[in-house]
Amino acid sequence: MTTNRLSQDRHDGFRVLLSGNMALELDDGAEVLLSPGDVLVENGTRHRWRVVGDVPATLASFLIGAHRR
């Protein structure tokens, strides 16, 4: 499934890429390429994920509740 929508989580947390390669696109068009072992701290930023290459990717997410004002 492919979508062009950006998503925005209502929580803080961090993610660890366990295998494969992924790209994270931010709402300003910036793109970050992630490789296995990379860690990303997230705090409600609008974003979009995609797998880079032909190998599936596994991403572990650790979510922490946050109150947005």
PDB file of N, CA and C in Angstrom:
ATOM      1  N   MET A   1       0.842  -1.177   0.000  1.00  0.00           N
ATOM      2  CA  MET A   1       0.000   0.000   0.000  1.00  0.00           C
ATOM      3  C   MET A   1       0.887   1.241   0.000  1.00  0.00           C
ATOM      4  N   THR A   2       0.593   2.170  -0.840  1.00  0.00           N
ATOM      5  CA  THR A   2       1.339   3.415  -0.902  1.00  0.00           C
ATOM      6  C   THR A   2       0.395   4.563  -0.609  1.00  0.00           C
ATOM      7  N   THR A   3       0.857   5.495   0.206  1.00  0.00           N
ATOM      8  CA  THR A   3       0.051   6.668   0.502  1.00  0.00           C
ATOM      9  C   THR A   3       0.937   7.900   0.448  1.00  0.00           C
ATOM     10  N   ASN A   4       0.373   9.004   0.063  1.00  0.00           N
ATOM     11  CA  ASN A   4       1.118  10.254   0.022  1.00  0.00           C
ATOM     12  C   ASN A   4       0.851  11.108   1.252  1.00  0.00           C
ATOM     13  N   ARG A   5       0.001  10.619   2.148  1.00  0.00           N
ATOM     14  CA  ARG A   5      -0.353  11.386   3.336  1.00  0.00           C
ATOM     15  C   ARG A   5       0.773  11.373   4.364  1.00  0.00           C
ATOM     16  N   LEU A   6       0.933  12.488   5.045  1.00  0.00           N
ATOM     17  CA  LEU A   6       1.819  12.543   6.197  1.00  0.00           C
ATOM     18  C   LEU A   6       1.003  12.152   7.419  1.00  0.00           C
ATOM     19  N   SER A   7       1.632  11.451   8.360  1.00  0.00           N
ATOM     20  CA  SER A   7       0.928  11.127   9.592  1.00  0.00           C
ATOM     21  C   SER A   7       1.561  11.899  10.735  1.00  0.00           C
ATOM     22  N   GLN A   8       0.798  12.057  11.807  1.00  0.00           N
ATOM     23  CA  GLN A   8       1.306  12.748  12.991  1.00  0.00           C
ATOM     24  C   GLN A   8       0.831  11.983  14.211  1.00  0.00           C
ATOM     25  N   ASP A   9       1.784  11.484  14.975  1.00  0.00           N
ATOM     26  CA  ASP A   9       1.447  10.725  16.169  1.00  0.00           C
ATOM     27  C   ASP A   9       1.152  11.674  17.320  1.00  0.00           C
ATOM     28  N   ARG A  10       0.279  11.240  18.218  1.00  0.00           N
ATOM     29  CA  ARG A  10      -0.077  12.053  19.377  1.00  0.00           C
ATOM     30  C   ARG A  10       0.658  11.560  20.620  1.00  0.00           C
ATOM     31  N   HIS A  11       1.890  11.182  20.433  1.00  0.00           N
ATOM     32  CA  HIS A  11       2.691  10.694  21.544  1.00  0.00           C
ATOM     33  C   HIS A  11       4.169  10.937  21.243  1.00  0.00           C
ATOM     34  N   ASP A  12       4.968  10.831  22.276  1.00  0.00           N
ATOM     35  CA  ASP A  12       6.412  10.863  22.110  1.00  0.00           C
ATOM     36  C   ASP A  12       6.904   9.428  22.098  1.00  0.00           C
ATOM     37  N   GLY A  13       8.116   9.223  21.655  1.00  0.00           N
ATOM     38  CA  GLY A  13       8.662   7.884  21.670  1.00  0.00           C
ATOM     39  C   GLY A  13       9.930   7.810  20.866  1.00  0.00           C
ATOM     40  N   PHE A  14      10.427   6.595  20.742  1.00  0.00           N
ATOM     41  CA  PHE A  14      11.590   6.403  19.891  1.00  0.00           C
ATOM     42  C   PHE A  14      11.427   5.129  19.095  1.00  0.00           C
ATOM     43  N   ARG A  15      12.145   5.062  18.008  1.00  0.00           N
ATOM     44  CA  ARG A  15      12.067   3.923  17.087  1.00  0.00           C
ATOM     45  C   ARG A  15      13.482   3.463  16.773  1.00  0.00           C
ATOM     46  N   VAL A  16      13.631   2.152  16.613  1.00  0.00           N
ATOM     47  CA  VAL A  16      14.924   1.558  16.278  1.00  0.00           C
ATOM     48  C   VAL A  16      14.729   0.712  15.016  1.00  0.00           C
ATOM     49  N   LEU A  17      15.510   0.977  13.994  1.00  0.00           N
ATOM     50  CA  LEU A  17      15.433   0.177  12.777  1.00  0.00           C
ATOM     51  C   LEU A  17      16.249  -1.091  12.998  1.00  0.00           C
ATOM     52  N   LEU A  18      15.574  -2.235  12.977  1.00  0.00           N
ATOM     53  CA  LEU A  18      16.223  -3.515  13.254  1.00  0.00           C
ATOM     54  C   LEU A  18      16.821  -4.145  12.007  1.00  0.00           C
ATOM     55  N   SER A  19      16.146  -4.003  10.868  1.00  0.00           N
ATOM     56  CA  SER A  19      16.664  -4.585   9.632  1.00  0.00           C
ATOM     57  C   SER A  19      16.118  -3.817   8.440  1.00  0.00           C
ATOM     58  N   GLY A  20      16.803  -3.944   7.326  1.00  0.00           N
ATOM     59  CA  GLY A  20      16.394  -3.241   6.111  1.00  0.00           C
ATOM     60  C   GLY A  20      16.822  -1.782   6.166  1.00  0.00           C
ATOM     61  N   ASN A  21      16.369  -1.016   5.196  1.00  0.00           N
ATOM     62  CA  ASN A  21      16.657   0.422   5.127  1.00  0.00           C
ATOM     63  C   ASN A  21      15.344   1.165   4.928  1.00  0.00           C
ATOM     64  N   MET A  22      15.230   2.321   5.574  1.00  0.00           N
ATOM     65  CA  MET A  22      14.013   3.119   5.470  1.00  0.00           C
ATOM     66  C   MET A  22      14.370   4.583   5.284  1.00  0.00           C
ATOM     67  N   ALA A  23      13.417   5.327   4.745  1.00  0.00           N
ATOM     68  CA  ALA A  23      13.536   6.774   4.637  1.00  0.00           C
ATOM     69  C   ALA A  23      12.386   7.389   5.416  1.00  0.00           C
ATOM     70  N   LEU A  24      12.688   8.431   6.154  1.00  0.00           N
ATOM     71  CA  LEU A  24      11.687   9.203   6.888  1.00  0.00           C
ATOM     72  C   LEU A  24      11.612  10.569   6.240  1.00  0.00           C
ATOM     73  N   GLU A  25      10.432  10.939   5.745  1.00  0.00           N
ATOM     74  CA  GLU A  25      10.242  12.252   5.133  1.00  0.00           C
ATOM     75  C   GLU A  25       9.467  13.128   6.102  1.00  0.00           C
ATOM     76  N   LEU A  26       9.958  14.343   6.316  1.00  0.00           N
ATOM     77  CA  LEU A  26       9.296  15.296   7.204  1.00  0.00           C
ATOM     78  C   LEU A  26       8.428  16.249   6.398  1.00  0.00           C
ATOM     79  N   ASP A  27       7.574  16.996   7.089  1.00  0.00           N
ATOM     80  CA  ASP A  27       6.616  17.849   6.378  1.00  0.00           C
ATOM     81  C   ASP A  27       7.264  18.999   5.623  1.00  0.00           C
ATOM     82  N   ASP A  28       8.531  19.312   5.910  1.00  0.00           N
ATOM     83  CA  ASP A  28       9.205  20.364   5.147  1.00  0.00           C
ATOM     84  C   ASP A  28       9.952  19.799   3.930  1.00  0.00           C
ATOM     85  N   GLY A  29       9.774  18.474   3.666  1.00  0.00           N
ATOM     86  CA  GLY A  29      10.395  17.838   2.523  1.00  0.00           C
ATOM     87  C   GLY A  29      11.756  17.227   2.820  1.00  0.00           C
ATOM     88  N   ALA A  30      12.310  17.498   3.999  1.00  0.00           N
ATOM     89  CA  ALA A  30      13.599  16.892   4.370  1.00  0.00           C
ATOM     90  C   ALA A  30      13.423  15.382   4.489  1.00  0.00           C
ATOM     91  N   GLU A  31      14.456  14.636   4.108  1.00  0.00           N
ATOM     92  CA  GLU A  31      14.398  13.181   4.162  1.00  0.00           C
ATOM     93  C   GLU A  31      15.630  12.671   4.900  1.00  0.00           C
ATOM     94  N   VAL A  32      15.404  11.709   5.791  1.00  0.00           N
ATOM     95  CA  VAL A  32      16.476  11.090   6.562  1.00  0.00           C
ATOM     96  C   VAL A  32      16.509   9.614   6.199  1.00  0.00           C
ATOM     97  N   LEU A  33      17.681   9.116   5.798  1.00  0.00           N
ATOM     98  CA  LEU A  33      17.834   7.700   5.477  1.00  0.00           C
ATOM     99  C   LEU A  33      18.298   6.965   6.720  1.00  0.00           C
ATOM    100  N   LEU A  34      17.636   5.857   7.048  1.00  0.00           N
ATOM    101  CA  LEU A  34      17.947   5.074   8.237  1.00  0.00           C
ATOM    102  C   LEU A  34      18.441   3.693   7.844  1.00  0.00           C
ATOM    103  N   SER A  35      19.441   3.213   8.570  1.00  0.00           N
ATOM    104  CA  SER A  35      20.022   1.884   8.387  1.00  0.00           C
ATOM    105  C   SER A  35      19.849   1.098   9.679  1.00  0.00           C
ATOM    106  N   PRO A  36      19.996  -0.230   9.630  1.00  0.00           N
ATOM    107  CA  PRO A  36      19.843  -1.030  10.845  1.00  0.00           C
ATOM    108  C   PRO A  36      20.699  -0.494  11.993  1.00  0.00           C
ATOM    109  N   GLY A  37      20.076  -0.382  13.173  1.00  0.00           N
ATOM    110  CA  GLY A  37      20.742   0.142  14.358  1.00  0.00           C
ATOM    111  C   GLY A  37      20.497   1.612  14.587  1.00  0.00           C
ATOM    112  N   ASP A  38      19.992   2.330  13.582  1.00  0.00           N
ATOM    113  CA  ASP A  38      19.703   3.757  13.762  1.00  0.00           C
ATOM    114  C   ASP A  38      18.506   3.927  14.691  1.00  0.00           C
ATOM    115  N   VAL A  39      18.566   4.973  15.517  1.00  0.00           N
ATOM    116  CA  VAL A  39      17.507   5.286  16.480  1.00  0.00           C
ATOM    117  C   VAL A  39      16.957   6.658  16.147  1.00  0.00           C
ATOM    118  N   LEU A  40      15.640   6.801  16.209  1.00  0.00           N
ATOM    119  CA  LEU A  40      14.978   8.067  15.934  1.00  0.00           C
ATOM    120  C   LEU A  40      14.105   8.423  17.132  1.00  0.00           C
ATOM    121  N   VAL A  41      14.267   9.626  17.667  1.00  0.00           N
ATOM    122  CA  VAL A  41      13.404  10.124  18.736  1.00  0.00           C
ATOM    123  C   VAL A  41      12.349  10.990  18.075  1.00  0.00           C
ATOM    124  N   GLU A  42      11.095  10.737  18.426  1.00  0.00           N
ATOM    125  CA  GLU A  42       9.978  11.421  17.766  1.00  0.00           C
ATOM    126  C   GLU A  42       9.112  12.127  18.806  1.00  0.00           C
ATOM    127  N   ASN A  43       8.654  13.322  18.474  1.00  0.00           N
ATOM    128  CA  ASN A  43       7.801  14.067  19.400  1.00  0.00           C
ATOM    129  C   ASN A  43       6.633  14.740  18.691  1.00  0.00           C
ATOM    130  N   GLY A  44       5.901  13.971  17.934  1.00  0.00           N
ATOM    131  CA  GLY A  44       4.696  14.488  17.287  1.00  0.00           C
ATOM    132  C   GLY A  44       4.927  15.164  15.944  1.00  0.00           C
ATOM    133  N   THR A  45       6.071  14.952  15.339  1.00  0.00           N
ATOM    134  CA  THR A  45       6.390  15.555  14.047  1.00  0.00           C
ATOM    135  C   THR A  45       5.579  14.890  12.932  1.00  0.00           C
ATOM    136  N   ARG A  46       5.083  15.701  12.001  1.00  0.00           N
ATOM    137  CA  ARG A  46       4.390  15.132  10.831  1.00  0.00           C
ATOM    138  C   ARG A  46       5.444  14.446   9.963  1.00  0.00           C
ATOM    139  N   HIS A  47       5.123  13.221   9.513  1.00  0.00           N
ATOM    140  CA  HIS A  47       6.121  12.426   8.817  1.00  0.00           C
ATOM    141  C   HIS A  47       5.473  11.378   7.923  1.00  0.00           C
ATOM    142  N   ARG A  48       6.329  10.756   7.093  1.00  0.00           N
ATOM    143  CA  ARG A  48       5.919   9.659   6.220  1.00  0.00           C
ATOM    144  C   ARG A  48       7.105   8.701   6.140  1.00  0.00           C
ATOM    145  N   TRP A  49       6.835   7.394   6.223  1.00  0.00           N
ATOM    146  CA  TRP A  49       7.874   6.360   6.130  1.00  0.00           C
ATOM    147  C   TRP A  49       7.820   5.673   4.771  1.00  0.00           C
ATOM    148  N   ARG A  50       8.994   5.185   4.314  1.00  0.00           N
ATOM    149  CA  ARG A  50       9.011   4.299   3.156  1.00  0.00           C
ATOM    150  C   ARG A  50      10.235   3.387   3.256  1.00  0.00           C
ATOM    151  N   VAL A  51      10.073   2.190   2.759  1.00  0.00           N
ATOM    152  CA  VAL A  51      11.183   1.236   2.700  1.00  0.00           C
ATOM    153  C   VAL A  51      12.045   1.586   1.505  1.00  0.00           C
ATOM    154  N   VAL A  52      13.354   1.554   1.683  1.00  0.00           N
ATOM    155  CA  VAL A  52      14.302   1.832   0.612  1.00  0.00           C
ATOM    156  C   VAL A  52      14.914   0.501   0.182  1.00  0.00           C
ATOM    157  N   GLY A  53      14.782   0.165  -1.093  1.00  0.00           N
ATOM    158  CA  GLY A  53      15.341  -1.080  -1.614  1.00  0.00           C
ATOM    159  C   GLY A  53      14.300  -2.183  -1.690  1.00  0.00           C
ATOM    160  N   ASP A  54      14.767  -3.394  -1.974  1.00  0.00           N
ATOM    161  CA  ASP A  54      13.877  -4.538  -2.193  1.00  0.00           C
ATOM    162  C   ASP A  54      13.734  -5.433  -0.969  1.00  0.00           C
ATOM    163  N   VAL A  55      14.451  -5.132   0.103  1.00  0.00           N
ATOM    164  CA  VAL A  55      14.421  -5.963   1.309  1.00  0.00           C
ATOM    165  C   VAL A  55      13.419  -5.372   2.297  1.00  0.00           C
ATOM    166  N   PRO A  56      12.526  -6.187   2.863  1.00  0.00           N
ATOM    167  CA  PRO A  56      11.600  -5.665   3.875  1.00  0.00           C
ATOM    168  C   PRO A  56      12.361  -5.073   5.059  1.00  0.00           C
ATOM    169  N   ALA A  57      11.741  -4.137   5.743  1.00  0.00           N
ATOM    170  CA  ALA A  57      12.356  -3.494   6.904  1.00  0.00           C
ATOM    171  C   ALA A  57      11.541  -3.818   8.149  1.00  0.00           C
ATOM    172  N   THR A  58      12.237  -3.902   9.286  1.00  0.00           N
ATOM    173  CA  THR A  58      11.587  -4.108  10.584  1.00  0.00           C
ATOM    174  C   THR A  58      11.954  -2.934  11.474  1.00  0.00           C
ATOM    175  N   LEU A  59      10.928  -2.248  11.980  1.00  0.00           N
ATOM    176  CA  LEU A  59      11.105  -1.053  12.805  1.00  0.00           C
ATOM    177  C   LEU A  59      10.424  -1.291  14.142  1.00  0.00           C
ATOM    178  N   ALA A  60      11.174  -1.198  15.254  1.00  0.00           N
ATOM    179  CA  ALA A  60      10.608  -1.336  16.593  1.00  0.00           C
ATOM    180  C   ALA A  60      10.249   0.052  17.110  1.00  0.00           C
ATOM    181  N   SER A  61       9.029   0.192  17.644  1.00  0.00           N
ATOM    182  CA  SER A  61       8.559   1.481  18.147  1.00  0.00           C
ATOM    183  C   SER A  61       8.261   1.387  19.639  1.00  0.00           C
ATOM    184  N   PHE A  62       8.753   2.357  20.389  1.00  0.00           N
ATOM    185  CA  PHE A  62       8.519   2.460  21.819  1.00  0.00           C
ATOM    186  C   PHE A  62       7.798   3.780  22.044  1.00  0.00           C
ATOM    187  N   LEU A  63       6.522   3.703  22.395  1.00  0.00           N
ATOM    188  CA  LEU A  63       5.680   4.889  22.475  1.00  0.00           C
ATOM    189  C   LEU A  63       5.459   5.300  23.925  1.00  0.00           C
ATOM    190  N   ILE A  64       5.518   6.613  24.160  1.00  0.00           N
ATOM    191  CA  ILE A  64       5.321   7.164  25.489  1.00  0.00           C
ATOM    192  C   ILE A  64       4.195   8.179  25.371  1.00  0.00           C
ATOM    193  N   GLY A  65       3.194   8.074  26.219  1.00  0.00           N
ATOM    194  CA  GLY A  65       2.061   9.002  26.171  1.00  0.00           C
ATOM    195  C   GLY A  65       2.503  10.427  26.369  1.00  0.00           C
ATOM    196  N   ALA A  66       1.848  11.355  25.697  1.00  0.00           N
ATOM    197  CA  ALA A  66       2.173  12.773  25.829  1.00  0.00           C
ATOM    198  C   ALA A  66       0.886  13.566  25.742  1.00  0.00           C
ATOM    199  N   HIS A  67       0.814  14.619  26.512  1.00  0.00           N
ATOM    200  CA  HIS A  67      -0.342  15.514  26.474  1.00  0.00           C
ATOM    201  C   HIS A  67       0.032  16.712  25.596  1.00  0.00           C
ATOM    202  N   ARG A  68      -0.697  16.916  24.515  1.00  0.00           N
ATOM    203  CA  ARG A  68      -0.454  18.041  23.623  1.00  0.00           C
ATOM    204  C   ARG A  68      -1.384  19.170  24.012  1.00  0.00           C
ATOM    205  N   ARG A  69      -0.863  20.375  23.963  1.00  0.00           N
ATOM    206  CA  ARG A  69      -1.675  21.564  24.281  1.00  0.00           C
ATOM    207  C   ARG A  69      -1.912  22.374  23.056  1.00  0.00           C
TER     208      ARG A  69
END
